[in-house]
């Protein structure tokens, strides 16, 4: 299971990078003030999440996570809140933090995440190196299923790197 989480996280980071350059280039609304407000909201949301963790887990444990990071949307981020009956509570919290709604907050979260990933990859291009994944894929110690997952991750990475460089 940890193996799949590692590959999923790797793919999510790559996806975020692929789209972030466009977001940075075309969206001037990610101002320093907005990012600062978003960062301040994180402490309040963390405390809120701890308070409601049991309710979130009880109502959302049967829901599947977004398997393809490219399909992550503000709606997919807030659907667990709706399923747990916590949408209104979360909405009130982010409004107290200066956002118009939880929907706006989720959209900003995705934009900030994508922008941060692009900056990180630009500063550390070695992070896009798939040689370790390729070595793992060629190992005789992993199952054919895991090899297929790695192959898919490597293909996605190569496509995203190509998109970033073009």
N, C-alpha and C. Protein backbone atom coordinates (compact mmCIF):
# COMPACT_ATOMS: atom_id res chain seq x y z
N UNK A 1 0.82 -1.19 0.00
CA UNK A 1 0.00 0.00 0.00
C UNK A 1 0.87 1.26 0.00
N UNK A 2 1.96 1.27 0.77
CA UNK A 2 2.84 2.43 0.80
C UNK A 2 3.46 2.67 -0.57
N UNK A 3 3.74 1.59 -1.28
CA UNK A 3 4.29 1.69 -2.62
C UNK A 3 3.34 2.46 -3.54
N UNK A 4 2.07 2.12 -3.50
CA UNK A 4 1.08 2.79 -4.34
C UNK A 4 0.92 4.25 -3.94
N UNK A 5 0.98 4.54 -2.64
CA UNK A 5 0.90 5.93 -2.20
C UNK A 5 2.08 6.74 -2.71
N UNK A 6 3.27 6.13 -2.69
CA UNK A 6 4.46 6.80 -3.17
C UNK A 6 4.32 7.14 -4.65
N UNK A 7 3.89 6.18 -5.44
CA UNK A 7 3.72 6.41 -6.87
C UNK A 7 2.63 7.45 -7.12
N UNK A 8 1.52 7.37 -6.36
CA UNK A 8 0.44 8.33 -6.52
C UNK A 8 0.90 9.74 -6.18
N UNK A 9 1.66 9.88 -5.10
CA UNK A 9 2.16 11.19 -4.70
C UNK A 9 3.10 11.74 -5.77
N UNK A 10 3.93 10.87 -6.31
CA UNK A 10 4.85 11.27 -7.38
C UNK A 10 4.08 11.78 -8.58
N UNK A 11 3.03 11.06 -8.97
CA UNK A 11 2.21 11.46 -10.12
C UNK A 11 1.49 12.78 -9.84
N UNK A 12 0.99 12.95 -8.62
CA UNK A 12 0.29 14.18 -8.28
C UNK A 12 1.23 15.37 -8.38
N UNK A 13 2.43 15.22 -7.87
CA UNK A 13 3.40 16.30 -7.93
C UNK A 13 3.75 16.63 -9.38
N UNK A 14 3.91 15.60 -10.20
CA UNK A 14 4.21 15.84 -11.60
C UNK A 14 3.05 16.54 -12.32
N UNK A 15 1.85 16.11 -12.01
CA UNK A 15 0.69 16.74 -12.62
C UNK A 15 0.61 18.20 -12.24
N UNK A 16 0.81 18.48 -10.98
CA UNK A 16 0.74 19.86 -10.52
C UNK A 16 1.76 20.72 -11.25
N UNK A 17 2.93 20.18 -11.46
CA UNK A 17 3.97 20.92 -12.17
C UNK A 17 3.57 21.18 -13.61
N UNK A 18 2.97 20.21 -14.24
CA UNK A 18 2.61 20.36 -15.65
C UNK A 18 1.65 21.52 -15.87
N UNK A 19 0.74 21.74 -14.94
CA UNK A 19 -0.25 22.78 -15.11
C UNK A 19 0.13 24.09 -14.44
N UNK A 20 1.10 24.08 -13.56
CA UNK A 20 1.40 25.25 -12.76
C UNK A 20 2.00 26.40 -13.57
N UNK A 21 2.83 26.10 -14.55
CA UNK A 21 3.43 27.19 -15.31
C UNK A 21 2.36 28.03 -15.99
N UNK A 22 1.33 27.38 -16.53
CA UNK A 22 0.23 28.13 -17.13
C UNK A 22 -0.48 28.97 -16.08
N UNK A 23 -0.70 28.40 -14.91
CA UNK A 23 -1.41 29.12 -13.85
C UNK A 23 -0.61 30.35 -13.41
N UNK A 24 0.69 30.19 -13.30
CA UNK A 24 1.54 31.31 -12.89
C UNK A 24 1.57 32.38 -13.98
N UNK A 25 1.68 31.95 -15.22
CA UNK A 25 1.80 32.89 -16.32
C UNK A 25 0.51 33.65 -16.59
N UNK A 26 -0.64 33.02 -16.42
CA UNK A 26 -1.88 33.65 -16.83
C UNK A 26 -2.74 34.15 -15.67
N UNK A 27 -2.44 33.76 -14.46
CA UNK A 27 -3.31 34.11 -13.35
C UNK A 27 -2.57 35.03 -12.39
N UNK A 28 -2.87 36.30 -12.47
CA UNK A 28 -2.21 37.26 -11.60
C UNK A 28 -2.92 37.40 -10.27
N UNK A 29 -3.98 36.64 -10.06
CA UNK A 29 -4.75 36.75 -8.83
C UNK A 29 -4.08 36.04 -7.65
N UNK A 30 -3.05 35.28 -7.89
CA UNK A 30 -2.33 34.65 -6.78
C UNK A 30 -1.34 35.67 -6.20
N UNK A 31 -1.90 36.66 -5.55
CA UNK A 31 -1.09 37.73 -4.97
C UNK A 31 -0.46 37.27 -3.66
N UNK A 32 0.50 38.04 -3.23
CA UNK A 32 1.15 37.77 -1.95
C UNK A 32 0.12 37.80 -0.82
N UNK A 33 -0.80 38.74 -0.88
CA UNK A 33 -1.84 38.86 0.15
C UNK A 33 -2.74 37.63 0.17
N UNK A 34 -3.14 37.15 -1.00
CA UNK A 34 -4.00 35.97 -1.08
C UNK A 34 -3.29 34.74 -0.55
N UNK A 35 -2.05 34.57 -0.93
CA UNK A 35 -1.28 33.42 -0.46
C UNK A 35 -1.09 33.49 1.05
N UNK A 36 -0.83 34.68 1.56
CA UNK A 36 -0.68 34.87 3.00
C UNK A 36 -1.98 34.51 3.74
N UNK A 37 -3.11 34.97 3.22
CA UNK A 37 -4.40 34.63 3.83
C UNK A 37 -4.64 33.13 3.80
N UNK A 38 -4.30 32.52 2.70
CA UNK A 38 -4.47 31.06 2.57
C UNK A 38 -3.60 30.34 3.59
N UNK A 39 -2.36 30.77 3.75
CA UNK A 39 -1.47 30.13 4.70
C UNK A 39 -2.01 30.27 6.13
N UNK A 40 -2.53 31.44 6.46
CA UNK A 40 -3.09 31.65 7.80
C UNK A 40 -4.31 30.76 8.03
N UNK A 41 -5.06 30.50 6.98
CA UNK A 41 -6.25 29.66 7.12
C UNK A 41 -5.89 28.21 7.44
N UNK A 42 -4.68 27.81 7.15
CA UNK A 42 -4.30 26.42 7.33
C UNK A 42 -4.34 25.98 8.80
N UNK A 43 -3.91 26.84 9.71
CA UNK A 43 -3.95 26.50 11.13
C UNK A 43 -5.38 26.29 11.60
N UNK A 44 -6.26 27.21 11.21
CA UNK A 44 -7.67 27.09 11.60
C UNK A 44 -8.29 25.83 11.02
N UNK A 45 -7.96 25.53 9.77
CA UNK A 45 -8.51 24.33 9.13
C UNK A 45 -7.94 23.05 9.73
N UNK A 46 -6.69 23.10 10.13
CA UNK A 46 -6.09 21.92 10.77
C UNK A 46 -6.80 21.63 12.09
N UNK A 47 -7.01 22.66 12.89
CA UNK A 47 -7.73 22.48 14.16
C UNK A 47 -9.15 22.00 13.91
N UNK A 48 -9.82 22.58 12.93
CA UNK A 48 -11.18 22.18 12.58
C UNK A 48 -11.20 20.70 12.14
N UNK A 49 -10.22 20.32 11.33
CA UNK A 49 -10.13 18.94 10.86
C UNK A 49 -9.94 17.95 11.99
N UNK A 50 -9.12 18.31 12.96
CA UNK A 50 -8.92 17.42 14.12
C UNK A 50 -10.22 17.25 14.90
N UNK A 51 -10.94 18.34 15.05
CA UNK A 51 -12.20 18.32 15.78
C UNK A 51 -13.24 17.44 15.09
N UNK A 52 -13.22 17.41 13.75
CA UNK A 52 -14.22 16.69 12.98
C UNK A 52 -13.69 15.41 12.31
N UNK A 53 -12.50 14.99 12.70
CA UNK A 53 -11.86 13.86 12.05
C UNK A 53 -12.72 12.59 12.08
N UNK A 54 -13.28 12.27 13.21
CA UNK A 54 -14.09 11.05 13.31
C UNK A 54 -15.29 11.11 12.38
N UNK A 55 -15.94 12.26 12.32
CA UNK A 55 -17.11 12.42 11.45
C UNK A 55 -16.71 12.31 9.98
N UNK A 56 -15.59 12.89 9.63
CA UNK A 56 -15.11 12.81 8.25
C UNK A 56 -14.77 11.38 7.88
N UNK A 57 -14.07 10.69 8.75
CA UNK A 57 -13.68 9.32 8.46
C UNK A 57 -14.88 8.38 8.40
N UNK A 58 -15.83 8.57 9.28
CA UNK A 58 -17.00 7.69 9.33
C UNK A 58 -17.85 7.83 8.07
N UNK A 59 -17.98 9.02 7.56
CA UNK A 59 -18.86 9.25 6.41
C UNK A 59 -18.16 9.09 5.08
N UNK A 60 -16.84 9.13 5.06
CA UNK A 60 -16.14 9.12 3.78
C UNK A 60 -15.27 7.89 3.58
N UNK A 61 -15.26 6.94 4.52
CA UNK A 61 -14.34 5.82 4.36
C UNK A 61 -14.68 4.94 3.17
N UNK A 62 -15.92 4.95 2.71
CA UNK A 62 -16.29 4.15 1.56
C UNK A 62 -16.08 4.88 0.24
N UNK A 63 -15.89 6.18 0.29
CA UNK A 63 -15.67 6.95 -0.94
C UNK A 63 -14.25 6.72 -1.43
N UNK A 64 -14.10 6.70 -2.73
CA UNK A 64 -12.77 6.52 -3.30
C UNK A 64 -12.12 7.89 -3.49
N UNK A 65 -10.82 7.90 -3.33
CA UNK A 65 -10.08 9.13 -3.57
C UNK A 65 -9.95 9.32 -5.08
N UNK A 66 -9.64 10.53 -5.48
CA UNK A 66 -9.41 10.79 -6.90
C UNK A 66 -8.17 10.01 -7.30
N UNK A 67 -8.34 9.03 -8.19
CA UNK A 67 -7.22 8.19 -8.57
C UNK A 67 -6.29 8.88 -9.56
N UNK A 68 -6.83 9.68 -10.43
CA UNK A 68 -6.03 10.40 -11.41
C UNK A 68 -5.89 11.84 -10.95
N UNK A 69 -4.69 12.22 -10.53
CA UNK A 69 -4.50 13.58 -10.02
C UNK A 69 -4.92 14.67 -11.00
N UNK A 70 -4.90 14.38 -12.29
CA UNK A 70 -5.31 15.39 -13.26
C UNK A 70 -6.80 15.67 -13.19
N UNK A 71 -7.54 14.79 -12.53
CA UNK A 71 -8.98 14.98 -12.39
C UNK A 71 -9.36 15.63 -11.06
N UNK A 72 -8.37 16.00 -10.26
CA UNK A 72 -8.67 16.66 -8.99
C UNK A 72 -9.21 18.05 -9.27
N UNK A 73 -10.33 18.34 -8.65
CA UNK A 73 -11.01 19.62 -8.84
C UNK A 73 -11.40 20.16 -7.47
N UNK A 74 -11.79 21.43 -7.41
CA UNK A 74 -12.33 21.93 -6.14
C UNK A 74 -13.52 21.08 -5.67
N UNK A 75 -14.35 20.66 -6.61
CA UNK A 75 -15.51 19.84 -6.25
C UNK A 75 -15.10 18.51 -5.63
N UNK A 76 -14.07 17.88 -6.19
CA UNK A 76 -13.63 16.60 -5.62
C UNK A 76 -12.98 16.80 -4.25
N UNK A 77 -12.43 17.97 -4.02
CA UNK A 77 -11.83 18.25 -2.72
C UNK A 77 -12.90 18.44 -1.64
N UNK A 78 -14.03 19.05 -2.01
CA UNK A 78 -15.04 19.34 -0.99
C UNK A 78 -16.13 18.28 -0.90
N UNK A 79 -16.17 17.34 -1.83
CA UNK A 79 -17.22 16.31 -1.78
C UNK A 79 -17.18 15.50 -0.48
N UNK A 80 -16.01 15.20 0.09
CA UNK A 80 -16.02 14.50 1.39
C UNK A 80 -16.68 15.32 2.50
N UNK A 81 -16.55 16.65 2.42
CA UNK A 81 -17.20 17.51 3.41
C UNK A 81 -18.72 17.42 3.28
N UNK A 82 -19.18 17.41 2.05
CA UNK A 82 -20.62 17.29 1.82
C UNK A 82 -21.12 15.94 2.30
N UNK A 83 -20.38 14.88 1.98
CA UNK A 83 -20.79 13.53 2.38
C UNK A 83 -20.87 13.40 3.90
N UNK A 84 -20.00 14.10 4.60
CA UNK A 84 -19.96 14.02 6.07
C UNK A 84 -20.89 15.04 6.73
N UNK A 85 -21.58 15.85 5.92
CA UNK A 85 -22.46 16.87 6.49
C UNK A 85 -21.70 18.03 7.10
N UNK A 86 -20.48 18.27 6.66
CA UNK A 86 -19.63 19.31 7.23
C UNK A 86 -19.39 20.48 6.30
N UNK A 87 -20.04 20.49 5.17
CA UNK A 87 -19.83 21.57 4.19
C UNK A 87 -20.10 22.93 4.80
N UNK A 88 -21.24 23.09 5.44
CA UNK A 88 -21.63 24.38 6.01
C UNK A 88 -20.63 24.84 7.07
N UNK A 89 -20.21 23.92 7.92
CA UNK A 89 -19.25 24.25 8.97
C UNK A 89 -17.91 24.71 8.38
N UNK A 90 -17.44 23.96 7.40
CA UNK A 90 -16.17 24.32 6.75
C UNK A 90 -16.31 25.64 6.00
N UNK A 91 -17.46 25.83 5.39
CA UNK A 91 -17.71 27.07 4.66
C UNK A 91 -17.66 28.28 5.61
N UNK A 92 -18.29 28.15 6.77
CA UNK A 92 -18.27 29.24 7.76
C UNK A 92 -16.84 29.52 8.22
N UNK A 93 -16.07 28.46 8.42
CA UNK A 93 -14.70 28.63 8.88
C UNK A 93 -13.87 29.41 7.87
N UNK A 94 -13.92 29.03 6.60
CA UNK A 94 -13.09 29.74 5.62
C UNK A 94 -13.61 31.16 5.38
N UNK A 95 -14.90 31.37 5.56
CA UNK A 95 -15.42 32.73 5.46
C UNK A 95 -14.86 33.61 6.59
N UNK A 96 -14.71 33.01 7.76
CA UNK A 96 -14.11 33.76 8.88
C UNK A 96 -12.63 34.07 8.63
N UNK A 97 -12.05 33.35 7.69
CA UNK A 97 -10.64 33.56 7.34
C UNK A 97 -10.49 34.48 6.13
N UNK A 98 -11.61 35.04 5.63
CA UNK A 98 -11.55 36.01 4.55
C UNK A 98 -11.86 35.49 3.16
N UNK A 99 -12.26 34.24 3.04
CA UNK A 99 -12.61 33.69 1.74
C UNK A 99 -14.12 33.77 1.56
N UNK A 100 -14.56 33.84 0.33
CA UNK A 100 -16.00 33.96 0.08
C UNK A 100 -16.73 32.64 0.33
N UNK A 101 -16.03 31.51 0.12
CA UNK A 101 -16.66 30.20 0.32
C UNK A 101 -15.60 29.11 0.35
N UNK A 102 -16.01 27.93 0.77
CA UNK A 102 -15.11 26.78 0.76
C UNK A 102 -14.76 26.41 -0.69
N UNK A 103 -15.66 26.70 -1.61
CA UNK A 103 -15.40 26.43 -3.03
C UNK A 103 -14.25 27.31 -3.54
N UNK A 104 -14.29 28.59 -3.17
CA UNK A 104 -13.21 29.50 -3.56
C UNK A 104 -11.90 29.04 -2.91
N UNK A 105 -11.97 28.68 -1.63
CA UNK A 105 -10.78 28.24 -0.92
C UNK A 105 -10.17 27.01 -1.59
N UNK A 106 -10.99 26.05 -2.00
CA UNK A 106 -10.50 24.83 -2.65
C UNK A 106 -9.84 25.16 -3.99
N UNK A 107 -10.45 26.05 -4.75
CA UNK A 107 -9.86 26.44 -6.04
C UNK A 107 -8.51 27.11 -5.83
N UNK A 108 -8.42 27.96 -4.83
CA UNK A 108 -7.16 28.64 -4.53
C UNK A 108 -6.12 27.63 -4.05
N UNK A 109 -6.55 26.66 -3.26
CA UNK A 109 -5.64 25.62 -2.78
C UNK A 109 -5.00 24.89 -3.96
N UNK A 110 -5.80 24.51 -4.95
CA UNK A 110 -5.25 23.83 -6.12
C UNK A 110 -4.28 24.73 -6.88
N UNK A 111 -4.63 25.98 -7.05
CA UNK A 111 -3.75 26.90 -7.78
C UNK A 111 -2.43 27.10 -7.04
N UNK A 112 -2.48 27.27 -5.73
CA UNK A 112 -1.26 27.47 -4.95
C UNK A 112 -0.40 26.21 -4.98
N UNK A 113 -1.03 25.07 -4.86
CA UNK A 113 -0.30 23.80 -4.89
C UNK A 113 0.41 23.62 -6.23
N UNK A 114 -0.29 23.90 -7.30
CA UNK A 114 0.31 23.77 -8.63
C UNK A 114 1.46 24.75 -8.82
N UNK A 115 1.27 25.97 -8.38
CA UNK A 115 2.33 26.97 -8.51
C UNK A 115 3.56 26.59 -7.69
N UNK A 116 3.34 26.11 -6.47
CA UNK A 116 4.46 25.71 -5.61
C UNK A 116 5.22 24.54 -6.23
N UNK A 117 4.49 23.60 -6.81
CA UNK A 117 5.14 22.45 -7.44
C UNK A 117 6.00 22.91 -8.63
N UNK A 118 5.48 23.82 -9.41
CA UNK A 118 6.26 24.32 -10.56
C UNK A 118 7.53 25.00 -10.11
N UNK A 119 7.42 25.80 -9.08
CA UNK A 119 8.61 26.49 -8.55
C UNK A 119 9.62 25.47 -8.02
N UNK A 120 9.14 24.47 -7.31
CA UNK A 120 10.02 23.45 -6.76
C UNK A 120 10.73 22.66 -7.86
N UNK A 121 9.98 22.28 -8.89
CA UNK A 121 10.60 21.54 -9.99
C UNK A 121 11.59 22.39 -10.76
N UNK A 122 11.27 23.65 -10.93
CA UNK A 122 12.18 24.53 -11.63
C UNK A 122 13.49 24.68 -10.85
N UNK A 123 13.38 24.75 -9.53
CA UNK A 123 14.57 24.89 -8.69
C UNK A 123 15.34 23.58 -8.54
N UNK A 124 14.63 22.46 -8.70
CA UNK A 124 15.25 21.14 -8.51
C UNK A 124 14.88 20.21 -9.65
N UNK A 125 15.43 20.42 -10.84
CA UNK A 125 15.04 19.60 -11.99
C UNK A 125 15.34 18.12 -11.81
N UNK A 126 16.24 17.79 -10.91
CA UNK A 126 16.54 16.38 -10.67
C UNK A 126 15.34 15.63 -10.11
N UNK A 127 14.36 16.36 -9.58
CA UNK A 127 13.16 15.71 -9.05
C UNK A 127 12.35 15.03 -10.16
N UNK A 128 12.57 15.42 -11.40
CA UNK A 128 11.86 14.82 -12.51
C UNK A 128 12.59 13.59 -13.05
N UNK A 129 13.69 13.25 -12.43
CA UNK A 129 14.48 12.09 -12.85
C UNK A 129 13.74 10.81 -12.48
N UNK A 130 13.47 9.98 -13.45
CA UNK A 130 12.74 8.72 -13.20
C UNK A 130 13.67 7.52 -13.11
N UNK A 131 14.96 7.72 -13.05
CA UNK A 131 15.88 6.57 -13.07
C UNK A 131 15.67 5.62 -11.89
N UNK A 132 15.31 6.17 -10.72
CA UNK A 132 15.07 5.29 -9.57
C UNK A 132 13.80 4.46 -9.78
N UNK A 133 12.78 5.08 -10.35
CA UNK A 133 11.55 4.34 -10.65
C UNK A 133 11.82 3.27 -11.71
N UNK A 134 12.64 3.62 -12.71
CA UNK A 134 12.96 2.65 -13.75
C UNK A 134 13.76 1.49 -13.18
N UNK A 135 14.70 1.76 -12.28
CA UNK A 135 15.47 0.69 -11.65
C UNK A 135 14.55 -0.21 -10.82
N UNK A 136 13.63 0.40 -10.10
CA UNK A 136 12.67 -0.37 -9.31
C UNK A 136 11.78 -1.21 -10.22
N UNK A 137 11.35 -0.64 -11.33
CA UNK A 137 10.51 -1.37 -12.28
C UNK A 137 11.25 -2.58 -12.83
N UNK A 138 12.54 -2.48 -13.01
CA UNK A 138 13.33 -3.58 -13.56
C UNK A 138 13.77 -4.58 -12.51
N UNK A 139 13.43 -4.33 -11.27
CA UNK A 139 13.80 -5.24 -10.18
C UNK A 139 12.98 -6.51 -10.23
N UNK A 140 13.61 -7.60 -9.86
CA UNK A 140 12.88 -8.88 -9.82
C UNK A 140 12.15 -9.05 -8.48
N UNK A 141 12.31 -8.08 -7.59
CA UNK A 141 11.70 -8.17 -6.27
C UNK A 141 10.27 -7.64 -6.20
N UNK A 142 9.75 -7.10 -7.29
CA UNK A 142 8.39 -6.58 -7.24
C UNK A 142 7.48 -7.35 -8.18
N UNK A 143 6.22 -7.30 -7.87
CA UNK A 143 5.23 -8.06 -8.64
C UNK A 143 4.99 -7.43 -10.01
N UNK A 144 4.44 -8.22 -10.92
CA UNK A 144 4.10 -7.67 -12.24
C UNK A 144 3.10 -6.50 -12.15
N UNK A 145 2.20 -6.57 -11.17
CA UNK A 145 1.22 -5.49 -10.99
C UNK A 145 1.93 -4.19 -10.62
N UNK A 146 2.88 -4.28 -9.69
CA UNK A 146 3.63 -3.09 -9.30
C UNK A 146 4.49 -2.58 -10.45
N UNK A 147 5.02 -3.50 -11.24
CA UNK A 147 5.80 -3.09 -12.41
C UNK A 147 4.93 -2.30 -13.39
N UNK A 148 3.67 -2.73 -13.55
CA UNK A 148 2.77 -2.02 -14.44
C UNK A 148 2.46 -0.62 -13.89
N UNK A 149 2.25 -0.53 -12.59
CA UNK A 149 2.00 0.77 -11.97
C UNK A 149 3.20 1.69 -12.19
N UNK A 150 4.39 1.18 -12.01
CA UNK A 150 5.59 1.97 -12.24
C UNK A 150 5.72 2.39 -13.70
N UNK A 151 5.43 1.47 -14.60
CA UNK A 151 5.49 1.81 -16.03
C UNK A 151 4.54 2.94 -16.35
N UNK A 152 3.33 2.87 -15.80
CA UNK A 152 2.36 3.95 -16.03
C UNK A 152 2.86 5.27 -15.45
N UNK A 153 3.45 5.22 -14.26
CA UNK A 153 3.96 6.44 -13.63
C UNK A 153 5.10 7.04 -14.45
N UNK A 154 5.97 6.19 -14.95
CA UNK A 154 7.09 6.67 -15.76
C UNK A 154 6.57 7.30 -17.05
N UNK A 155 5.59 6.66 -17.69
CA UNK A 155 5.02 7.22 -18.92
C UNK A 155 4.37 8.57 -18.66
N UNK A 156 3.62 8.68 -17.56
CA UNK A 156 3.00 9.96 -17.22
C UNK A 156 4.06 11.03 -16.98
N UNK A 157 5.12 10.64 -16.27
CA UNK A 157 6.19 11.58 -15.99
C UNK A 157 6.82 12.08 -17.28
N UNK A 158 7.12 11.18 -18.18
CA UNK A 158 7.77 11.57 -19.43
C UNK A 158 6.86 12.49 -20.25
N UNK A 159 5.57 12.19 -20.27
CA UNK A 159 4.63 13.04 -21.00
C UNK A 159 4.57 14.43 -20.38
N UNK A 160 4.56 14.49 -19.04
CA UNK A 160 4.49 15.79 -18.37
C UNK A 160 5.77 16.58 -18.55
N UNK A 161 6.91 15.91 -18.49
CA UNK A 161 8.19 16.60 -18.70
C UNK A 161 8.20 17.17 -20.11
N UNK A 162 7.74 16.40 -21.07
CA UNK A 162 7.68 16.88 -22.45
C UNK A 162 6.77 18.11 -22.54
N UNK A 163 5.63 18.06 -21.87
CA UNK A 163 4.70 19.19 -21.89
C UNK A 163 5.33 20.42 -21.24
N UNK A 164 6.04 20.21 -20.13
CA UNK A 164 6.66 21.33 -19.42
C UNK A 164 7.74 21.98 -20.29
N UNK A 165 8.52 21.15 -20.97
CA UNK A 165 9.63 21.67 -21.76
C UNK A 165 9.18 22.29 -23.07
N UNK A 166 7.99 21.96 -23.54
CA UNK A 166 7.56 22.50 -24.83
C UNK A 166 6.90 23.85 -24.68
